[in-house]
Amino acid sequence: MNSIRLFPNKQRGTVAVVLLSTMLVLQFIFNIRTYYLKSNLGNRYTVQELHAIKLDMINGVISLILFVVYIITIVFFLRWFKRAYQNAAELGVKLRYSTNMSVGAWFIPLFHWIGPVQMMLELYRNTEKILIENSLTRKKKIRYILIFAWWFIYILCGIIALIDTIFILPRSDRLELAIWMADYLLFVNLLNFGLTILAIAVVNNYRKLEIKLNALSYVTENKDNRNVETIDEGLIS
């Protein structure tokens, strides 16, 4: 491994994990309170009553905080992801996309269901390969299982959002939908909860690999610097 100086990314990864964990706690509180309020309605309720649960003052405050944390999380996640992809380029890894695309890919319709996961897999595979060559880690299938599970739920949530926009919301004023809508909303909330858990696992797993990679680059750089000093001293003498 040649002497390189990777861009610091540990702090960004840590902040991303902390923000995702905060989202998880808020989602948990929101879901528990929603379930509690729904149970008080009994077995029969209308769509309007389900909407009233969402408009409950405490749930409204939680939703607002969750939305703000969600936006901040996206910003810090993208900053972490871009820096991680940039470091992979510094390692001389042949990447499929540019560093700027590591951010832009998340906002391109349809492509955002393919590009980002390809980049994440590139990061894992290449970083893991370098660390294995230096006996600093070993290949773990669970890392890739978590990535694919995370991305499957991410796509599923995207499809459900489209279904909501096209089919559910235009008919939400019809009372007959209330019977199954409560279970549907619970299913969606649980999916988002699971998505956040898997996102934490994926980011945290790569953050651990990055820490080892940065330690390796530091040792390699110092070793090369000592070699240069030795050569210089020999020339001087």
C-alpha atoms as a PDB file:
ATOM      1  CA  MET A   1       0.000   0.000   0.000  1.00  0.00           C
ATOM      2  CA  ASN A   2       1.483   3.310  -1.082  1.00  0.00           C
ATOM      3  CA  SER A   3       1.813   6.221   1.312  1.00  0.00           C
ATOM      4  CA  ILE A   4      -1.470   8.140   1.279  1.00  0.00           C
ATOM      5  CA  ARG A   5      -3.205  10.698   3.411  1.00  0.00           C
ATOM      6  CA  LEU A   6      -6.895   9.886   3.763  1.00  0.00           C
ATOM      7  CA  PHE A   7      -9.375  12.623   4.562  1.00  0.00           C
ATOM      8  CA  PRO A   8     -10.657  12.386   8.181  1.00  0.00           C
ATOM      9  CA  ASN A   9     -14.117  10.836   8.275  1.00  0.00           C
ATOM     10  CA  LYS A  10     -14.452   9.233  11.711  1.00  0.00           C
ATOM     11  CA  GLN A  11     -16.305  12.187  13.230  1.00  0.00           C
ATOM     12  CA  ARG A  12     -18.757  12.428  10.347  1.00  0.00           C
ATOM     13  CA  GLY A  13     -19.516   8.723  10.614  1.00  0.00           C
ATOM     14  CA  THR A  14     -20.048   9.015  14.362  1.00  0.00           C
ATOM     15  CA  VAL A  15     -22.411  11.979  13.957  1.00  0.00           C
ATOM     16  CA  ALA A  16     -24.382  10.092  11.285  1.00  0.00           C
ATOM     17  CA  VAL A  17     -24.787   7.089  13.612  1.00  0.00           C
ATOM     18  CA  VAL A  18     -25.843   9.322  16.537  1.00  0.00           C
ATOM     19  CA  LEU A  19     -28.439  11.133  14.407  1.00  0.00           C
ATOM     20  CA  LEU A  20     -29.815   7.867  13.038  1.00  0.00           C
ATOM     21  CA  SER A  21     -30.050   6.533  16.591  1.00  0.00           C
ATOM     22  CA  THR A  22     -31.925   9.691  17.620  1.00  0.00           C
ATOM     23  CA  MET A  23     -34.358   9.102  14.762  1.00  0.00           C
ATOM     24  CA  LEU A  24     -34.836   5.536  15.953  1.00  0.00           C
ATOM     25  CA  VAL A  25     -35.758   6.666  19.466  1.00  0.00           C
ATOM     26  CA  LEU A  26     -38.211   9.272  18.140  1.00  0.00           C
ATOM     27  CA  GLN A  27     -39.801   6.724  15.793  1.00  0.00           C
ATOM     28  CA  PHE A  28     -40.187   4.297  18.687  1.00  0.00           C
ATOM     29  CA  ILE A  29     -41.888   6.897  20.903  1.00  0.00           C
ATOM     30  CA  PHE A  30     -44.161   8.007  18.038  1.00  0.00           C
ATOM     31  CA  ASN A  31     -45.193   4.441  17.183  1.00  0.00           C
ATOM     32  CA  ILE A  32     -45.874   3.490  20.805  1.00  0.00           C
ATOM     33  CA  ARG A  33     -47.989   6.588  21.407  1.00  0.00           C
ATOM     34  CA  THR A  34     -49.872   6.113  18.119  1.00  0.00           C
ATOM     35  CA  TYR A  35     -50.666   2.516  19.035  1.00  0.00           C
ATOM     36  CA  TYR A  36     -51.827   3.622  22.502  1.00  0.00           C
ATOM     37  CA  LEU A  37     -54.147   6.292  21.109  1.00  0.00           C
ATOM     38  CA  LYS A  38     -55.548   3.900  18.499  1.00  0.00           C
ATOM     39  CA  SER A  39     -56.254   1.253  21.136  1.00  0.00           C
ATOM     40  CA  ASN A  40     -58.392   3.788  23.017  1.00  0.00           C
ATOM     41  CA  LEU A  41     -60.671   4.054  19.986  1.00  0.00           C
ATOM     42  CA  GLY A  42     -61.712   0.418  20.267  1.00  0.00           C
ATOM     43  CA  ASN A  43     -62.266  -1.810  17.239  1.00  0.00           C
ATOM     44  CA  ARG A  44     -64.203   0.686  15.134  1.00  0.00           C
ATOM     45  CA  TYR A  45     -62.870   4.036  13.982  1.00  0.00           C
ATOM     46  CA  THR A  46     -62.929   6.288  10.958  1.00  0.00           C
ATOM     47  CA  VAL A  47     -60.195   7.665   8.749  1.00  0.00           C
ATOM     48  CA  GLN A  48     -60.816  11.060  10.335  1.00  0.00           C
ATOM     49  CA  GLU A  49     -60.088   9.594  13.771  1.00  0.00           C
ATOM     50  CA  LEU A  50     -56.866   8.058  12.484  1.00  0.00           C
ATOM     51  CA  HIS A  51     -55.823  11.455  11.162  1.00  0.00           C
ATOM     52  CA  ALA A  52     -56.723  12.984  14.537  1.00  0.00           C
ATOM     53  CA  ILE A  53     -54.212  10.649  16.173  1.00  0.00           C
ATOM     54  CA  LYS A  54     -51.500  12.076  13.942  1.00  0.00           C
ATOM     55  CA  LEU A  55     -52.636  15.598  14.828  1.00  0.00           C
ATOM     56  CA  ASP A  56     -52.467  14.885  18.564  1.00  0.00           C
ATOM     57  CA  MET A  57     -50.357  17.635  20.156  1.00  0.00           C
ATOM     58  CA  ILE A  58     -47.618  15.360  21.540  1.00  0.00           C
ATOM     59  CA  ASN A  59     -47.450  13.304  18.354  1.00  0.00           C
ATOM     60  CA  GLY A  60     -47.335  16.523  16.369  1.00  0.00           C
ATOM     61  CA  VAL A  61     -44.350  17.785  18.351  1.00  0.00           C
ATOM     62  CA  ILE A  62     -42.586  14.427  17.998  1.00  0.00           C
ATOM     63  CA  SER A  63     -43.279  14.435  14.251  1.00  0.00           C
ATOM     64  CA  LEU A  64     -41.863  17.936  13.899  1.00  0.00           C
ATOM     65  CA  ILE A  65     -38.698  17.062  15.823  1.00  0.00           C
ATOM     66  CA  LEU A  66     -38.387  13.835  13.839  1.00  0.00           C
ATOM     67  CA  PHE A  67     -38.667  15.754  10.560  1.00  0.00           C
ATOM     68  CA  VAL A  68     -35.954  18.222  11.597  1.00  0.00           C
ATOM     69  CA  VAL A  69     -33.649  15.405  12.754  1.00  0.00           C
ATOM     70  CA  TYR A  70     -34.378  13.555   9.506  1.00  0.00           C
ATOM     71  CA  ILE A  71     -33.250  16.514   7.377  1.00  0.00           C
ATOM     72  CA  ILE A  72     -30.094  17.024   9.471  1.00  0.00           C
ATOM     73  CA  THR A  73     -29.377  13.278   9.268  1.00  0.00           C
ATOM     74  CA  ILE A  74     -29.586  13.336   5.470  1.00  0.00           C
ATOM     75  CA  VAL A  75     -27.077  16.205   5.334  1.00  0.00           C
ATOM     76  CA  PHE A  76     -24.554  14.514   7.627  1.00  0.00           C
ATOM     77  CA  PHE A  77     -25.042  11.094   6.052  1.00  0.00           C
ATOM     78  CA  LEU A  78     -24.335  12.490   2.590  1.00  0.00           C
ATOM     79  CA  ARG A  79     -21.263  14.356   3.874  1.00  0.00           C
ATOM     80  CA  TRP A  80     -19.973  11.123   5.427  1.00  0.00           C
ATOM     81  CA  PHE A  81     -20.797   9.061   2.340  1.00  0.00           C
ATOM     82  CA  LYS A  82     -19.113  11.497  -0.052  1.00  0.00           C
ATOM     83  CA  ARG A  83     -15.955  11.640   2.082  1.00  0.00           C
ATOM     84  CA  ALA A  84     -15.858   7.831   2.300  1.00  0.00           C
ATOM     85  CA  TYR A  85     -16.165   7.569  -1.492  1.00  0.00           C
ATOM     86  CA  GLN A  86     -13.504  10.246  -1.927  1.00  0.00           C
ATOM     87  CA  ASN A  87     -11.132   8.287   0.319  1.00  0.00           C
ATOM     88  CA  ALA A  88     -11.705   5.201  -1.784  1.00  0.00           C
ATOM     89  CA  ALA A  89     -10.611   7.211  -4.822  1.00  0.00           C
ATOM     90  CA  GLU A  90      -7.495   8.345  -2.918  1.00  0.00           C
ATOM     91  CA  LEU A  91      -6.629   4.690  -2.398  1.00  0.00           C
ATOM     92  CA  GLY A  92      -6.411   4.289  -6.156  1.00  0.00           C
ATOM     93  CA  VAL A  93      -9.537   2.146  -6.311  1.00  0.00           C
ATOM     94  CA  LYS A  94     -11.214   2.107  -9.721  1.00  0.00           C
ATOM     95  CA  LEU A  95     -14.673   3.447  -8.909  1.00  0.00           C
ATOM     96  CA  ARG A  96     -17.759   3.254 -11.070  1.00  0.00           C
ATOM     97  CA  TYR A  97     -18.899   6.806 -10.334  1.00  0.00           C
ATOM     98  CA  SER A  98     -17.421  10.206  -9.518  1.00  0.00           C
ATOM     99  CA  THR A  99     -17.222  11.614  -5.992  1.00  0.00           C
ATOM    100  CA  ASN A 100     -19.901  14.211  -6.758  1.00  0.00           C
ATOM    101  CA  MET A 101     -22.189  11.459  -8.021  1.00  0.00           C
ATOM    102  CA  SER A 102     -22.017   9.848  -4.580  1.00  0.00           C
ATOM    103  CA  VAL A 103     -24.309  12.700  -3.501  1.00  0.00           C
ATOM    104  CA  GLY A 104     -26.204  13.362  -6.720  1.00  0.00           C
ATOM    105  CA  ALA A 105     -27.189   9.722  -7.192  1.00  0.00           C
ATOM    106  CA  TRP A 106     -29.559   9.925  -4.214  1.00  0.00           C
ATOM    107  CA  PHE A 107     -31.656  12.594  -5.962  1.00  0.00           C
ATOM    108  CA  ILE A 108     -31.923  11.211  -9.506  1.00  0.00           C
ATOM    109  CA  PRO A 109     -35.332   9.529 -10.052  1.00  0.00           C
ATOM    110  CA  LEU A 110     -35.164   5.736 -10.499  1.00  0.00           C
ATOM    111  CA  PHE A 111     -31.358   5.804 -10.506  1.00  0.00           C
ATOM    112  CA  HIS A 112     -31.474   6.509  -6.761  1.00  0.00           C
ATOM    113  CA  TRP A 113     -32.730   2.928  -6.344  1.00  0.00           C
ATOM    114  CA  ILE A 114     -29.597   1.496  -7.998  1.00  0.00           C
ATOM    115  CA  GLY A 115     -26.586   3.842  -7.864  1.00  0.00           C
ATOM    116  CA  PRO A 116     -26.172   4.433  -4.121  1.00  0.00           C
ATOM    117  CA  VAL A 117     -26.185   0.736  -3.203  1.00  0.00           C
ATOM    118  CA  GLN A 118     -23.615   0.040  -5.925  1.00  0.00           C
ATOM    119  CA  MET A 119     -21.387   2.698  -4.374  1.00  0.00           C
ATOM    120  CA  MET A 120     -21.879   1.325  -0.874  1.00  0.00           C
ATOM    121  CA  LEU A 121     -20.918  -2.155  -2.073  1.00  0.00           C
ATOM    122  CA  GLU A 122     -17.837  -0.687  -3.785  1.00  0.00           C
ATOM    123  CA  LEU A 123     -16.779   0.908  -0.509  1.00  0.00           C
ATOM    124  CA  TYR A 124     -17.232  -2.274   1.483  1.00  0.00           C
ATOM    125  CA  ARG A 125     -15.583  -4.615  -1.015  1.00  0.00           C
ATOM    126  CA  ASN A 126     -12.514  -2.491  -1.698  1.00  0.00           C
ATOM    127  CA  THR A 127     -11.924  -1.417   1.893  1.00  0.00           C
ATOM    128  CA  GLU A 128     -12.411  -4.972   3.110  1.00  0.00           C
ATOM    129  CA  LYS A 129      -9.987  -6.254   0.469  1.00  0.00           C
ATOM    130  CA  ILE A 130      -7.230  -3.840   1.554  1.00  0.00           C
ATOM    131  CA  LEU A 131      -7.715  -4.648   5.241  1.00  0.00           C
ATOM    132  CA  ILE A 132      -7.741  -8.410   4.585  1.00  0.00           C
ATOM    133  CA  GLU A 133      -4.467  -8.090   2.652  1.00  0.00           C
ATOM    134  CA  ASN A 134      -2.965  -6.407   5.720  1.00  0.00           C
ATOM    135  CA  SER A 135      -4.491  -8.931   8.162  1.00  0.00           C
ATOM    136  CA  LEU A 136      -6.637  -6.258   9.840  1.00  0.00           C
ATOM    137  CA  THR A 137     -10.030  -7.895   9.259  1.00  0.00           C
ATOM    138  CA  ARG A 138     -11.686 -10.875   7.654  1.00  0.00           C
ATOM    139  CA  LYS A 139     -14.516 -11.189   5.171  1.00  0.00           C
ATOM    140  CA  LYS A 140     -17.931 -11.249   6.830  1.00  0.00           C
ATOM    141  CA  LYS A 141     -21.055 -12.131   4.857  1.00  0.00           C
ATOM    142  CA  ILE A 142     -23.246 -10.462   7.467  1.00  0.00           C
ATOM    143  CA  ARG A 143     -21.983  -7.053   6.298  1.00  0.00           C
ATOM    144  CA  TYR A 144     -23.397  -7.651   2.830  1.00  0.00           C
ATOM    145  CA  ILE A 145     -26.588  -9.280   4.108  1.00  0.00           C
ATOM    146  CA  LEU A 146     -27.280  -6.107   6.095  1.00  0.00           C
ATOM    147  CA  ILE A 147     -26.612  -3.922   3.036  1.00  0.00           C
ATOM    148  CA  PHE A 148     -29.012  -5.888   0.829  1.00  0.00           C
ATOM    149  CA  ALA A 149     -31.670  -6.013   3.574  1.00  0.00           C
ATOM    150  CA  TRP A 150     -31.294  -2.264   4.127  1.00  0.00           C
ATOM    151  CA  TRP A 151     -31.633  -1.555   0.419  1.00  0.00           C
ATOM    152  CA  PHE A 152     -34.572  -3.932  -0.065  1.00  0.00           C
ATOM    153  CA  ILE A 153     -36.551  -2.097   2.626  1.00  0.00           C
ATOM    154  CA  TYR A 154     -35.414   1.267   1.217  1.00  0.00           C
ATOM    155  CA  ILE A 155     -36.870   0.371  -2.203  1.00  0.00           C
ATOM    156  CA  LEU A 156     -39.990  -1.088  -0.590  1.00  0.00           C
ATOM    157  CA  CYS A 157     -40.560   2.162   1.316  1.00  0.00           C
ATOM    158  CA  GLY A 158     -40.135   4.089  -1.944  1.00  0.00           C
ATOM    159  CA  ILE A 159     -42.723   1.932  -3.712  1.00  0.00           C
ATOM    160  CA  ILE A 160     -45.147   2.323  -0.807  1.00  0.00           C
ATOM    161  CA  ALA A 161     -44.693   6.109  -0.954  1.00  0.00           C
ATOM    162  CA  LEU A 162     -45.679   6.024  -4.635  1.00  0.00           C
ATOM    163  CA  ILE A 163     -48.722   3.875  -3.861  1.00  0.00           C
ATOM    164  CA  ASP A 164     -49.731   6.331  -1.130  1.00  0.00           C
ATOM    165  CA  THR A 165     -49.479   9.275  -3.503  1.00  0.00           C
ATOM    166  CA  ILE A 166     -51.343   7.635  -6.395  1.00  0.00           C
ATOM    167  CA  PHE A 167     -53.942   5.417  -4.728  1.00  0.00           C
ATOM    168  CA  ILE A 168     -54.261   5.951  -0.958  1.00  0.00           C
ATOM    169  CA  LEU A 169     -54.296   9.711  -0.391  1.00  0.00           C
ATOM    170  CA  PRO A 170     -56.904  10.523  -3.102  1.00  0.00           C
ATOM    171  CA  ARG A 171     -59.318   8.046  -1.427  1.00  0.00           C
ATOM    172  CA  SER A 172     -58.462   8.698   2.222  1.00  0.00           C
ATOM    173  CA  ASP A 173     -61.802  10.413   2.867  1.00  0.00           C
ATOM    174  CA  ARG A 174     -63.726   7.177   2.307  1.00  0.00           C
ATOM    175  CA  LEU A 175     -64.705   5.609   5.600  1.00  0.00           C
ATOM    176  CA  GLU A 176     -64.518   2.003   4.363  1.00  0.00           C
ATOM    177  CA  LEU A 177     -60.737   2.342   4.108  1.00  0.00           C
ATOM    178  CA  ALA A 178     -60.402   2.816   7.874  1.00  0.00           C
ATOM    179  CA  ILE A 179     -60.752  -0.889   8.664  1.00  0.00           C
ATOM    180  CA  TRP A 180     -57.475  -1.835   6.992  1.00  0.00           C
ATOM    181  CA  MET A 181     -55.728   1.538   6.919  1.00  0.00           C
ATOM    182  CA  ALA A 182     -54.752   1.329  10.600  1.00  0.00           C
ATOM    183  CA  ASP A 183     -52.903  -1.934   9.982  1.00  0.00           C
ATOM    184  CA  TYR A 184     -51.402  -0.488   6.811  1.00  0.00           C
ATOM    185  CA  LEU A 185     -50.078   2.567   8.673  1.00  0.00           C
ATOM    186  CA  LEU A 186     -48.643   0.324  11.389  1.00  0.00           C
ATOM    187  CA  PHE A 187     -46.895  -1.748   8.703  1.00  0.00           C
ATOM    188  CA  VAL A 188     -45.398   1.390   7.128  1.00  0.00           C
ATOM    189  CA  ASN A 189     -44.194   2.675  10.510  1.00  0.00           C
ATOM    190  CA  LEU A 190     -42.546  -0.662  11.303  1.00  0.00           C
ATOM    191  CA  LEU A 191     -40.850  -0.663   7.891  1.00  0.00           C
ATOM    192  CA  ASN A 192     -39.385   2.801   8.521  1.00  0.00           C
ATOM    193  CA  PHE A 193     -38.301   1.669  11.981  1.00  0.00           C
ATOM    194  CA  GLY A 194     -36.523  -1.363  10.496  1.00  0.00           C
ATOM    195  CA  LEU A 195     -34.979   0.795   7.772  1.00  0.00           C
ATOM    196  CA  THR A 196     -33.436   3.072  10.393  1.00  0.00           C
ATOM    197  CA  ILE A 197     -32.032   0.112  12.350  1.00  0.00           C
ATOM    198  CA  LEU A 198     -30.403  -1.338   9.225  1.00  0.00           C
ATOM    199  CA  ALA A 199     -29.056   2.090   8.197  1.00  0.00           C
ATOM    200  CA  ILE A 200     -27.357   2.368  11.601  1.00  0.00           C
ATOM    201  CA  ALA A 201     -25.815  -1.083  11.163  1.00  0.00           C
ATOM    202  CA  VAL A 202     -24.550  -0.371   7.622  1.00  0.00           C
ATOM    203  CA  VAL A 203     -23.021   3.003   8.493  1.00  0.00           C
ATOM    204  CA  ASN A 204     -21.515   1.795  11.767  1.00  0.00           C
ATOM    205  CA  ASN A 205     -19.984  -1.325  10.183  1.00  0.00           C
ATOM    206  CA  TYR A 206     -18.251   0.709   7.509  1.00  0.00           C
ATOM    207  CA  ARG A 207     -17.218   3.327  10.058  1.00  0.00           C
ATOM    208  CA  LYS A 208     -15.324   0.579  11.911  1.00  0.00           C
ATOM    209  CA  LEU A 209     -13.598  -0.489   8.679  1.00  0.00           C
ATOM    210  CA  GLU A 210     -12.709   3.143   7.963  1.00  0.00           C
ATOM    211  CA  ILE A 211     -11.060   3.542  11.368  1.00  0.00           C
ATOM    212  CA  LYS A 212      -8.820   0.544  10.628  1.00  0.00           C
ATOM    213  CA  LEU A 213      -8.108   1.882   7.147  1.00  0.00           C
ATOM    214  CA  ASN A 214      -7.075   5.274   8.497  1.00  0.00           C
ATOM    215  CA  ALA A 215      -4.826   3.618  11.078  1.00  0.00           C
ATOM    216  CA  LEU A 216      -3.217   1.570   8.294  1.00  0.00           C
ATOM    217  CA  SER A 217      -2.643   4.639   6.100  1.00  0.00           C
ATOM    218  CA  TYR A 218      -1.103   6.485   9.060  1.00  0.00           C
ATOM    219  CA  VAL A 219       1.306   3.630   9.809  1.00  0.00           C
ATOM    220  CA  THR A 220       2.210   3.279   6.125  1.00  0.00           C
ATOM    221  CA  GLU A 221       2.794   7.011   5.726  1.00  0.00           C
ATOM    222  CA  ASN A 222       5.042   7.187   8.799  1.00  0.00           C
ATOM    223  CA  LYS A 223       6.975   4.135   7.641  1.00  0.00           C
ATOM    224  CA  ASP A 224       7.600   5.693   4.234  1.00  0.00           C
ATOM    225  CA  ASN A 225       8.635   8.971   5.860  1.00  0.00           C
ATOM    226  CA  ARG A 226      11.194   7.148   8.023  1.00  0.00           C
ATOM    227  CA  ASN A 227      12.570   5.443   4.924  1.00  0.00           C
ATOM    228  CA  VAL A 228      12.988   8.823   3.226  1.00  0.00           C
ATOM    229  CA  GLU A 229      14.801  10.222   6.275  1.00  0.00           C
ATOM    230  CA  THR A 230      17.148   7.217   6.323  1.00  0.00           C
ATOM    231  CA  ILE A 231      17.966   7.667   2.641  1.00  0.00           C
ATOM    232  CA  ASP A 232      18.586  11.392   3.150  1.00  0.00           C
ATOM    233  CA  GLU A 233      20.925  10.729   6.067  1.00  0.00           C
ATOM    234  CA  GLY A 234      22.853   8.212   3.967  1.00  0.00           C
ATOM    235  CA  LEU A 235      23.260  10.708   1.163  1.00  0.00           C
ATOM    236  CA  ILE A 236      24.445  13.420   3.544  1.00  0.00           C
ATOM    237  CA  SER A 237      27.030  11.149   5.173  1.00  0.00           C
END
